[in-house]
Amino acid sequence: MRIDITIPNVGESITEVEIGEWFKKQGDSVRKNEGLLLLETDKATVEVNAPESGTLVEILKQNGESAAVGEVVAHLETANGPPSKSQETASGDLAAQREQTADQPNSRPGTTDRSADAAPAPEPERKPIDEKPAAEEEFGPSARDVEIIAAKEMAAQETQDAEPAAEPVEIPGGGDRAGRKPAPAGDRRDEVVPMTLLRRRIAERLLAAQRGAALLTTFNEIDMSAVVALRQGHGDAFRQRHGIRLGFMSFFVKAAVTALQTIREVNAEIDGDHIVYHDYCDVGVAVGGGKGLVVPVLRNAQQMSFADIERAIDDFARRARDNRLKPDELQGGTFTITNGGVYGSLLSTPIVNPPQSAILGLHAIQDRPVASAGAVAIRPMMYVALTYDHRLIDGREAVLFLKQVKSMIEEPARMLLEF
């Protein structure tokens, strides 16, 4: 039985996907619920599994091609169900052959009647030399035809070699038809690959954020000594109790949630001529995935413990590397935290993820000399940045938000006592 493999509904407002990767080739066997292909959307990647066990007999859409939701992209032939047309035809021919053989006396399939009174076989009719034999008509051209075709191809190749190479068509600003300058001589080369739907969507949203918002960034620095000491002193006990490592991100999520509930404008968004204030904190955490940067969301982060946050972030990071995040996990955040420090970034200005109004950027921790109690001390310091939409958030609110995050990170007991 033949089953159509169609593009499933992978999320709200998603009508088109891109074939990211086929896990199976045409003709391969596949088991039920085994991965068939990977779909790329403008939000995430989704794996499509085989509905039944069988053979992948036909692939209609190749890697990199687009397909609409509900479109058939492949055919799966299963062992169950009625036989295919080819099987029915073969069975019918075999039955007819057996019936014809049974009507002939003293004969068996695959044998020849050698009796003395058998009529001699008629002499085959002679054909003119130029006439093509029946076997050649069925299975391909004769040797003579091959020689003629080869001669024509050689003549065409000689004519093509004799013509001068066409010059690249110049366009305004220089370059060829692809908009690029001619490739340099030597071993250097350019590789041109199409952008994925996810990468195109990221580009569109970043441009929309810069064009549609009045973005401004304010900075501060945080002494990480208390958090570093807390992780060193209680990290092992935390791992034994909760089965997960105590990282820095959970501290910043907890600090940000407290600040978001105090300074509501940072947790709000603009909707036309209105301001929407959220009484919940859905915090997006930017992680590097297999296809680019993605921002899965911690729902109701204000209700999560340190262990809950660390487990959720670890799960997001693992599934992002394997391109297994679900589209609904990447939607609906009210605030975002991005940590460029894991890649060594010392300072940056992150871009707001619309329709959100602010994003917190974390950076690398470095030992630096700072003034402390009238003396110079070496402390682990981190620069933090808050990029915000100045249409909604004034400089005062942005500075107060960062100062509150700073005070809670430098005194982690405040997060436990909730003040």
Protein backbone atom coordinates (compact mmCIF):
# COMPACT_ATOMS: atom_id res chain seq x y z
CA MET A 1 0.00 0.00 0.00
CA ARG A 2 1.34 3.44 -0.92
CA ILE A 3 1.24 6.20 1.73
CA ASP A 4 1.73 9.89 1.00
CA ILE A 5 4.25 11.74 3.18
CA THR A 6 2.86 15.27 3.63
CA ILE A 7 4.07 18.42 5.35
CA PRO A 8 2.39 18.56 8.78
CA ASN A 9 1.07 21.66 10.50
CA VAL A 10 4.18 22.78 12.38
CA GLY A 11 2.93 25.90 14.09
CA GLU A 12 0.61 28.85 14.07
CA SER A 13 0.94 31.17 11.05
CA ILE A 14 3.48 28.86 9.36
CA THR A 15 2.33 28.05 5.82
CA GLU A 16 5.64 27.19 4.15
CA VAL A 17 8.66 25.15 5.18
CA GLU A 18 12.00 24.22 3.66
CA ILE A 19 13.31 20.69 3.29
CA GLY A 20 16.33 20.73 5.55
CA GLU A 21 17.62 17.17 5.30
CA TRP A 22 16.42 13.74 4.23
CA PHE A 23 17.57 11.06 6.68
CA LYS A 24 16.74 8.35 4.12
CA LYS A 25 17.46 7.99 0.43
CA GLN A 26 15.01 6.88 -2.23
CA GLY A 27 14.72 3.09 -2.06
CA ASP A 28 15.77 2.85 1.61
CA SER A 29 13.77 0.85 4.11
CA VAL A 30 12.30 2.71 7.07
CA ARG A 31 10.69 1.62 10.33
CA LYS A 32 7.54 3.06 11.85
CA ASN A 33 8.19 6.31 13.80
CA GLU A 34 11.76 6.46 12.45
CA GLY A 35 12.94 9.90 11.35
CA LEU A 36 12.38 10.55 7.64
CA LEU A 37 13.30 14.17 7.12
CA LEU A 38 13.99 17.47 8.86
CA LEU A 39 11.89 20.55 8.09
CA GLU A 40 13.13 24.09 8.56
CA THR A 41 10.65 26.84 9.35
CA ASP A 42 11.16 30.53 10.01
CA LYS A 43 11.08 29.75 13.74
CA ALA A 44 12.57 26.30 14.33
CA THR A 45 13.26 22.89 12.82
CA VAL A 46 10.81 19.98 12.98
CA GLU A 47 11.43 16.28 12.39
CA VAL A 48 8.90 14.21 10.41
CA ASN A 49 8.69 10.51 11.27
CA ALA A 50 7.50 7.60 9.15
CA PRO A 51 3.81 6.76 9.79
CA GLU A 52 4.39 3.07 8.94
CA SER A 53 7.23 0.68 8.15
CA GLY A 54 8.04 0.26 4.48
CA THR A 55 10.22 1.50 1.63
CA LEU A 56 10.73 5.12 0.59
CA VAL A 57 9.91 4.64 -3.08
CA GLU A 58 9.82 8.27 -4.26
CA ILE A 59 11.09 11.64 -3.03
CA LEU A 60 9.30 14.61 -4.60
CA LYS A 61 11.09 17.48 -2.80
CA GLN A 62 14.85 17.63 -2.41
CA ASN A 63 17.01 19.33 0.24
CA GLY A 64 16.67 23.10 0.14
CA GLU A 65 13.35 23.14 -1.73
CA SER A 66 10.26 24.82 -0.30
CA ALA A 67 6.97 23.07 0.36
CA ALA A 68 3.56 24.18 1.61
CA VAL A 69 1.80 22.74 4.64
CA GLY A 70 -0.19 19.70 3.49
CA GLU A 71 1.87 19.18 0.31
CA VAL A 72 3.00 15.66 -0.60
CA VAL A 73 6.81 15.41 -0.54
CA ALA A 74 7.36 11.64 -0.77
CA HIS A 75 5.69 8.24 -1.14
CA LEU A 76 6.13 5.31 1.23
CA GLU A 77 5.32 1.76 0.08
CA THR A 78 4.31 -0.52 2.94
CA ALA A 79 4.19 -4.32 3.02
CA ASN A 80 0.57 -4.35 4.22
CA GLY A 81 -2.48 -3.85 2.06
CA PRO A 82 -3.42 -4.91 -1.51
CA PRO A 83 -0.66 -5.67 -4.03
CA SER A 84 0.53 -2.96 -6.33
CA LYS A 85 -0.38 -2.80 -10.02
CA SER A 86 2.97 -4.24 -11.07
CA GLN A 87 2.48 -7.22 -8.77
CA GLU A 88 -1.05 -7.83 -10.10
CA THR A 89 0.18 -7.67 -13.70
CA ALA A 90 3.02 -10.07 -13.01
CA SER A 91 0.66 -12.54 -11.30
CA GLY A 92 -1.80 -12.35 -14.20
CA ASP A 93 0.91 -13.01 -16.80
CA LEU A 94 2.20 -15.99 -14.83
CA ALA A 95 -1.29 -17.50 -14.56
CA ALA A 96 -1.91 -17.05 -18.28
CA GLN A 97 1.40 -18.71 -19.09
CA ARG A 98 0.60 -21.69 -16.90
CA GLU A 99 -2.87 -22.02 -18.50
CA GLN A 100 -1.41 -21.94 -22.01
CA THR A 101 1.21 -24.53 -21.07
CA ALA A 102 -1.43 -26.85 -19.61
CA ASP A 103 -3.35 -26.88 -22.95
CA GLN A 104 -0.27 -28.16 -24.83
CA PRO A 105 0.26 -31.98 -24.64
CA ASN A 106 3.60 -33.47 -23.51
CA SER A 107 5.01 -30.08 -22.49
CA ARG A 108 6.40 -28.59 -19.33
CA PRO A 109 7.29 -25.02 -18.53
CA GLY A 110 10.84 -24.30 -19.62
CA THR A 111 11.17 -27.47 -21.85
CA THR A 112 10.92 -28.14 -25.62
CA ASP A 113 8.97 -30.91 -27.30
CA ARG A 114 11.60 -33.05 -29.12
CA SER A 115 9.28 -35.70 -30.67
CA ALA A 116 10.19 -36.95 -34.17
CA ASP A 117 6.90 -35.91 -35.73
CA ALA A 118 7.25 -32.29 -34.59
CA ALA A 119 7.10 -29.80 -37.42
CA PRO A 120 10.37 -28.12 -38.31
CA ALA A 121 10.77 -24.55 -37.14
CA PRO A 122 10.10 -21.98 -39.87
CA GLU A 123 13.17 -20.25 -41.31
CA PRO A 124 13.49 -16.69 -40.01
CA GLU A 125 12.76 -13.98 -42.51
CA ARG A 126 15.80 -12.15 -43.79
CA LYS A 127 15.78 -8.39 -43.38
CA PRO A 128 17.69 -5.70 -45.24
CA ILE A 129 20.97 -4.69 -43.69
CA ASP A 130 19.79 -1.16 -42.87
CA GLU A 131 16.71 -2.39 -41.04
CA LYS A 132 17.07 -2.37 -37.25
CA PRO A 133 16.50 -5.71 -35.49
CA ALA A 134 13.56 -5.98 -33.11
CA ALA A 135 15.86 -6.44 -30.09
CA GLU A 136 17.53 -3.09 -30.83
CA GLU A 137 14.16 -1.37 -31.15
CA GLU A 138 13.30 -2.59 -27.67
CA PHE A 139 16.58 -2.24 -25.81
CA GLY A 140 18.44 0.63 -27.44
CA PRO A 141 20.40 1.89 -30.46
CA SER A 142 22.67 -0.27 -32.58
CA ALA A 143 26.42 0.03 -32.71
CA ARG A 144 26.11 2.01 -35.92
CA ASP A 145 23.77 4.52 -34.27
CA VAL A 146 26.22 4.90 -31.40
CA GLU A 147 29.02 5.76 -33.82
CA ILE A 148 26.86 8.42 -35.55
CA ILE A 149 25.85 10.02 -32.23
CA ALA A 150 29.44 10.06 -31.02
CA ALA A 151 30.62 11.74 -34.23
CA LYS A 152 27.97 14.46 -33.89
CA GLU A 153 28.88 15.13 -30.26
CA MET A 154 32.59 15.44 -31.13
CA ALA A 155 31.81 17.91 -33.90
CA ALA A 156 29.62 20.00 -31.58
CA GLN A 157 32.36 20.02 -28.91
CA GLU A 158 34.97 21.19 -31.43
CA THR A 159 32.68 24.03 -32.52
CA GLN A 160 32.09 25.07 -28.90
CA ASP A 161 35.83 25.02 -28.11
CA ALA A 162 36.53 27.21 -31.13
CA GLU A 163 34.11 29.95 -29.94
CA PRO A 164 35.49 32.61 -27.52
CA ALA A 165 34.29 32.41 -23.90
CA ALA A 166 31.41 34.74 -23.09
CA GLU A 167 32.28 37.73 -20.94
CA PRO A 168 30.40 38.11 -17.64
CA VAL A 169 27.53 40.59 -17.85
CA GLU A 170 28.37 43.69 -15.86
CA ILE A 171 25.72 45.21 -13.60
CA PRO A 172 25.70 48.59 -11.86
CA GLY A 173 28.36 48.60 -9.18
CA GLY A 174 30.42 45.91 -10.87
CA GLY A 175 30.08 42.13 -10.77
CA ASP A 176 28.51 39.41 -12.87
CA ARG A 177 24.91 38.19 -13.13
CA ALA A 178 24.94 36.90 -9.55
CA GLY A 179 25.91 40.37 -8.32
CA ARG A 180 29.44 39.22 -7.47
CA LYS A 181 32.75 40.17 -8.99
CA PRO A 182 34.50 37.56 -11.15
CA ALA A 183 36.27 34.90 -9.07
CA PRO A 184 40.01 35.57 -8.62
CA ALA A 185 42.53 33.38 -10.40
CA GLY A 186 44.32 30.62 -8.57
CA ASP A 187 43.09 28.14 -5.98
CA ARG A 188 40.74 30.57 -4.24
CA ARG A 189 37.02 30.11 -4.77
CA ASP A 190 33.64 31.35 -3.53
CA GLU A 191 30.87 29.14 -2.23
CA VAL A 192 27.31 30.40 -2.75
CA VAL A 193 24.57 28.75 -0.68
CA PRO A 194 20.95 29.87 -0.18
CA MET A 195 19.91 31.28 3.18
CA THR A 196 17.70 29.01 5.24
CA LEU A 197 14.20 30.10 6.25
CA LEU A 198 15.40 30.45 9.84
CA ARG A 199 18.35 32.64 8.84
CA ARG A 200 16.12 34.79 6.59
CA ARG A 201 13.60 35.19 9.41
CA ILE A 202 16.34 36.27 11.83
CA ALA A 203 17.55 38.87 9.33
CA GLU A 204 14.04 40.20 8.76
CA ARG A 205 13.30 40.53 12.48
CA LEU A 206 16.59 42.26 13.25
CA LEU A 207 16.04 44.79 10.45
CA ALA A 208 12.44 45.31 11.58
CA ALA A 209 13.64 45.97 15.13
CA GLN A 210 16.13 48.62 14.01
CA ARG A 211 13.72 50.31 11.61
CA GLY A 212 10.61 50.20 13.78
CA ALA A 213 11.98 51.10 17.23
CA ALA A 214 14.03 53.86 18.83
CA LEU A 215 16.78 51.66 20.23
CA LEU A 216 19.23 52.86 22.86
CA THR A 217 21.73 50.93 25.01
CA THR A 218 22.88 51.61 28.56
CA PHE A 219 25.73 49.82 30.36
CA ASN A 220 26.86 48.88 33.83
CA GLU A 221 29.36 46.49 35.41
CA ILE A 222 28.82 43.84 38.06
CA ASP A 223 31.17 42.39 40.63
CA MET A 224 30.62 38.62 40.31
CA SER A 225 32.60 37.70 43.45
CA ALA A 226 29.56 36.71 45.55
CA VAL A 227 28.01 34.52 42.85
CA VAL A 228 31.37 32.88 42.07
CA ALA A 229 31.89 32.11 45.76
CA LEU A 230 28.33 30.78 46.08
CA ARG A 231 28.79 28.42 43.12
CA GLN A 232 32.14 27.21 44.43
CA GLY A 233 30.82 26.63 47.94
CA HIS A 234 27.45 25.01 47.09
CA GLY A 235 27.77 23.88 43.48
CA ASP A 236 28.46 20.22 44.32
CA ALA A 237 25.58 20.01 46.80
CA PHE A 238 23.28 21.65 44.27
CA ARG A 239 24.23 19.09 41.61
CA GLN A 240 23.72 16.16 43.98
CA ARG A 241 20.33 17.46 45.07
CA HIS A 242 18.93 18.50 41.70
CA GLY A 243 21.00 16.55 39.16
CA ILE A 244 22.01 19.69 37.25
CA ARG A 245 24.95 22.11 37.37
CA LEU A 246 24.43 25.51 38.97
CA GLY A 247 25.25 28.06 36.29
CA PHE A 248 25.34 31.85 36.10
CA MET A 249 22.24 32.19 33.91
CA SER A 250 19.80 31.16 36.64
CA PHE A 251 21.05 34.02 38.84
CA PHE A 252 20.49 36.56 36.08
CA VAL A 253 17.04 35.16 35.22
CA LYS A 254 15.98 35.44 38.87
CA ALA A 255 17.44 38.94 39.15
CA ALA A 256 15.83 40.06 35.89
CA VAL A 257 12.42 38.71 36.92
CA THR A 258 12.52 40.71 40.16
CA ALA A 259 13.53 43.86 38.27
CA LEU A 260 10.85 43.28 35.59
CA GLN A 261 8.16 43.10 38.26
CA THR A 262 9.44 46.35 39.80
CA ILE A 263 9.94 48.35 36.58
CA ARG A 264 6.93 47.33 34.49
CA GLU A 265 7.87 49.30 31.38
CA VAL A 266 10.77 46.94 30.65
CA ASN A 267 8.31 44.01 30.64
CA ALA A 268 5.80 45.78 28.39
CA GLU A 269 5.30 46.22 24.65
CA ILE A 270 3.77 48.74 22.26
CA ASP A 271 0.65 47.68 20.35
CA GLY A 272 -0.32 50.48 17.98
CA ASP A 273 -1.28 53.44 20.17
CA HIS A 274 -1.49 51.30 23.31
CA ILE A 275 0.95 49.90 25.86
CA VAL A 276 0.53 46.28 26.96
CA TYR A 277 1.84 45.56 30.47
CA HIS A 278 2.45 41.90 31.33
CA ASP A 279 1.94 40.62 34.87
CA TYR A 280 3.95 37.51 34.02
CA CYS A 281 7.58 37.09 32.92
CA ASP A 282 8.18 34.88 29.89
CA VAL A 283 11.95 35.21 29.60
CA GLY A 284 13.64 34.22 26.35
CA VAL A 285 17.17 32.82 26.66
CA ALA A 286 19.27 33.09 23.51
CA VAL A 287 21.15 29.88 22.67
CA GLY A 288 23.25 28.90 19.69
CA GLY A 289 21.57 26.19 17.64
CA GLY A 290 22.64 24.01 14.74
CA LYS A 291 21.15 26.47 12.23
CA GLY A 292 21.72 29.76 14.05
CA LEU A 293 20.72 31.74 17.11
CA VAL A 294 17.36 30.78 18.60
CA VAL A 295 15.51 32.14 21.65
CA PRO A 296 13.43 29.53 23.52
CA VAL A 297 11.18 30.96 26.21
CA LEU A 298 11.00 30.16 29.94
CA ARG A 299 7.24 30.38 30.59
CA ASN A 300 6.26 32.00 33.91
CA ALA A 301 9.87 32.42 34.94
CA GLN A 302 8.69 34.28 38.05
CA GLN A 303 7.46 30.93 39.41
CA MET A 304 10.60 28.93 38.62
CA SER A 305 13.31 27.94 41.09
CA PHE A 306 17.05 27.97 40.37
CA ALA A 307 16.92 24.24 39.61
CA ASP A 308 13.90 24.65 37.31
CA ILE A 309 15.67 27.35 35.33
CA GLU A 310 18.92 25.40 35.00
CA ARG A 311 17.12 22.23 33.86
CA ALA A 312 15.04 24.13 31.30
CA ILE A 313 18.05 25.98 29.86
CA ASP A 314 20.09 22.77 29.65
CA ASP A 315 17.23 21.05 27.82
CA PHE A 316 16.85 23.99 25.42
CA ALA A 317 20.58 24.04 24.65
CA ARG A 318 20.75 20.30 23.91
CA ARG A 319 17.69 20.32 21.65
CA ALA A 320 18.82 23.51 19.90
CA ARG A 321 22.10 21.82 18.90
CA ASP A 322 20.11 18.88 17.52
CA ASN A 323 17.53 21.16 15.83
CA ARG A 324 14.73 19.66 17.91
CA LEU A 325 13.10 22.76 19.41
CA LYS A 326 9.37 23.15 18.83
CA PRO A 327 7.97 26.32 17.21
CA ASP A 328 5.71 27.15 20.18
CA GLU A 329 8.78 27.16 22.46
CA LEU A 330 10.18 30.12 20.49
CA GLN A 331 7.13 32.39 20.60
CA GLY A 332 5.59 34.82 23.03
CA GLY A 333 8.50 36.03 25.18
CA THR A 334 8.20 39.32 27.08
CA PHE A 335 11.93 39.86 27.73
CA THR A 336 15.19 38.33 26.49
CA ILE A 337 18.61 37.59 27.98
CA THR A 338 21.57 36.86 25.73
CA ASN A 339 25.01 35.79 26.94
CA GLY A 340 27.78 36.64 24.52
CA GLY A 341 30.29 35.96 27.27
CA VAL A 342 30.25 32.23 26.53
CA TYR A 343 31.97 33.10 23.23
CA GLY A 344 34.37 35.59 24.86
CA SER A 345 32.52 38.83 24.10
CA LEU A 346 33.61 41.63 26.43
CA LEU A 347 31.06 44.27 25.41
CA SER A 348 28.23 44.49 22.87
CA THR A 349 24.91 46.19 22.12
CA PRO A 350 22.25 43.47 21.67
CA ILE A 351 19.23 44.08 19.43
CA VAL A 352 15.69 43.92 20.82
CA ASN A 353 13.55 40.98 19.74
CA PRO A 354 10.23 42.58 18.65
CA PRO A 355 7.56 43.07 19.89
CA GLN A 356 9.54 43.05 23.15
CA SER A 357 10.86 46.37 24.41
CA ALA A 358 14.20 45.39 25.98
CA ILE A 359 16.98 42.82 26.01
CA LEU A 360 19.73 42.18 28.58
CA GLY A 361 23.21 41.35 27.29
CA LEU A 362 25.72 39.47 29.46
CA HIS A 363 29.43 39.31 28.74
CA ALA A 364 32.64 37.59 29.71
CA ILE A 365 33.85 37.60 33.33
CA GLN A 366 37.32 39.08 33.64
CA ASP A 367 39.56 39.78 36.62
CA ARG A 368 40.02 43.56 36.72
CA PRO A 369 41.37 46.05 39.27
CA VAL A 370 38.53 47.93 40.95
CA ALA A 371 38.24 50.32 43.88
CA SER A 372 36.83 48.57 46.95
CA ALA A 373 36.68 50.04 50.48
CA GLY A 374 39.26 52.67 49.65
CA ALA A 375 41.72 50.20 48.14
CA VAL A 376 42.39 48.62 44.79
CA ALA A 377 41.37 44.97 44.55
CA ILE A 378 41.26 42.41 41.77
CA ARG A 379 37.68 41.23 41.26
CA PRO A 380 35.85 39.09 38.66
CA MET A 381 33.88 41.74 36.75
CA MET A 382 31.24 41.53 34.03
CA TYR A 383 29.88 44.28 31.79
CA VAL A 384 26.12 44.14 31.23
CA ALA A 385 24.11 46.02 28.61
CA LEU A 386 20.41 46.81 28.33
CA THR A 387 19.12 47.74 24.89
CA TYR A 388 15.63 49.19 25.06
CA ASP A 389 12.95 50.89 22.98
CA HIS A 390 13.13 54.55 23.92
CA ARG A 391 9.54 55.08 22.73
CA LEU A 392 8.35 53.19 25.83
CA ILE A 393 11.28 53.10 28.26
CA ASP A 394 13.01 56.26 29.42
CA GLY A 395 16.65 56.39 30.42
CA ARG A 396 15.72 56.56 34.10
CA GLU A 397 13.84 53.24 33.99
CA ALA A 398 16.63 51.57 32.00
CA VAL A 399 19.32 52.67 34.46
CA LEU A 400 17.22 51.68 37.49
CA PHE A 401 16.60 48.25 35.94
CA LEU A 402 20.32 47.59 35.47
CA LYS A 403 21.14 48.88 38.96
CA GLN A 404 18.60 46.52 40.49
CA VAL A 405 20.02 43.56 38.56
CA LYS A 406 23.51 44.60 39.66
CA SER A 407 22.59 44.85 43.34
CA MET A 408 20.91 41.42 43.39
CA ILE A 409 23.82 39.69 41.63
CA GLU A 410 26.33 41.31 43.98
CA GLU A 411 24.13 40.33 46.97
CA PRO A 412 22.46 37.02 45.99
CA ALA A 413 20.71 36.79 49.37
CA ARG A 414 18.35 39.53 48.15
CA MET A 415 16.94 37.15 45.54
CA LEU A 416 16.17 34.57 48.22
CA LEU A 417 14.62 37.16 50.53
CA GLU A 418 12.81 38.82 47.58
CA PHE A 419 13.69 42.45 48.21
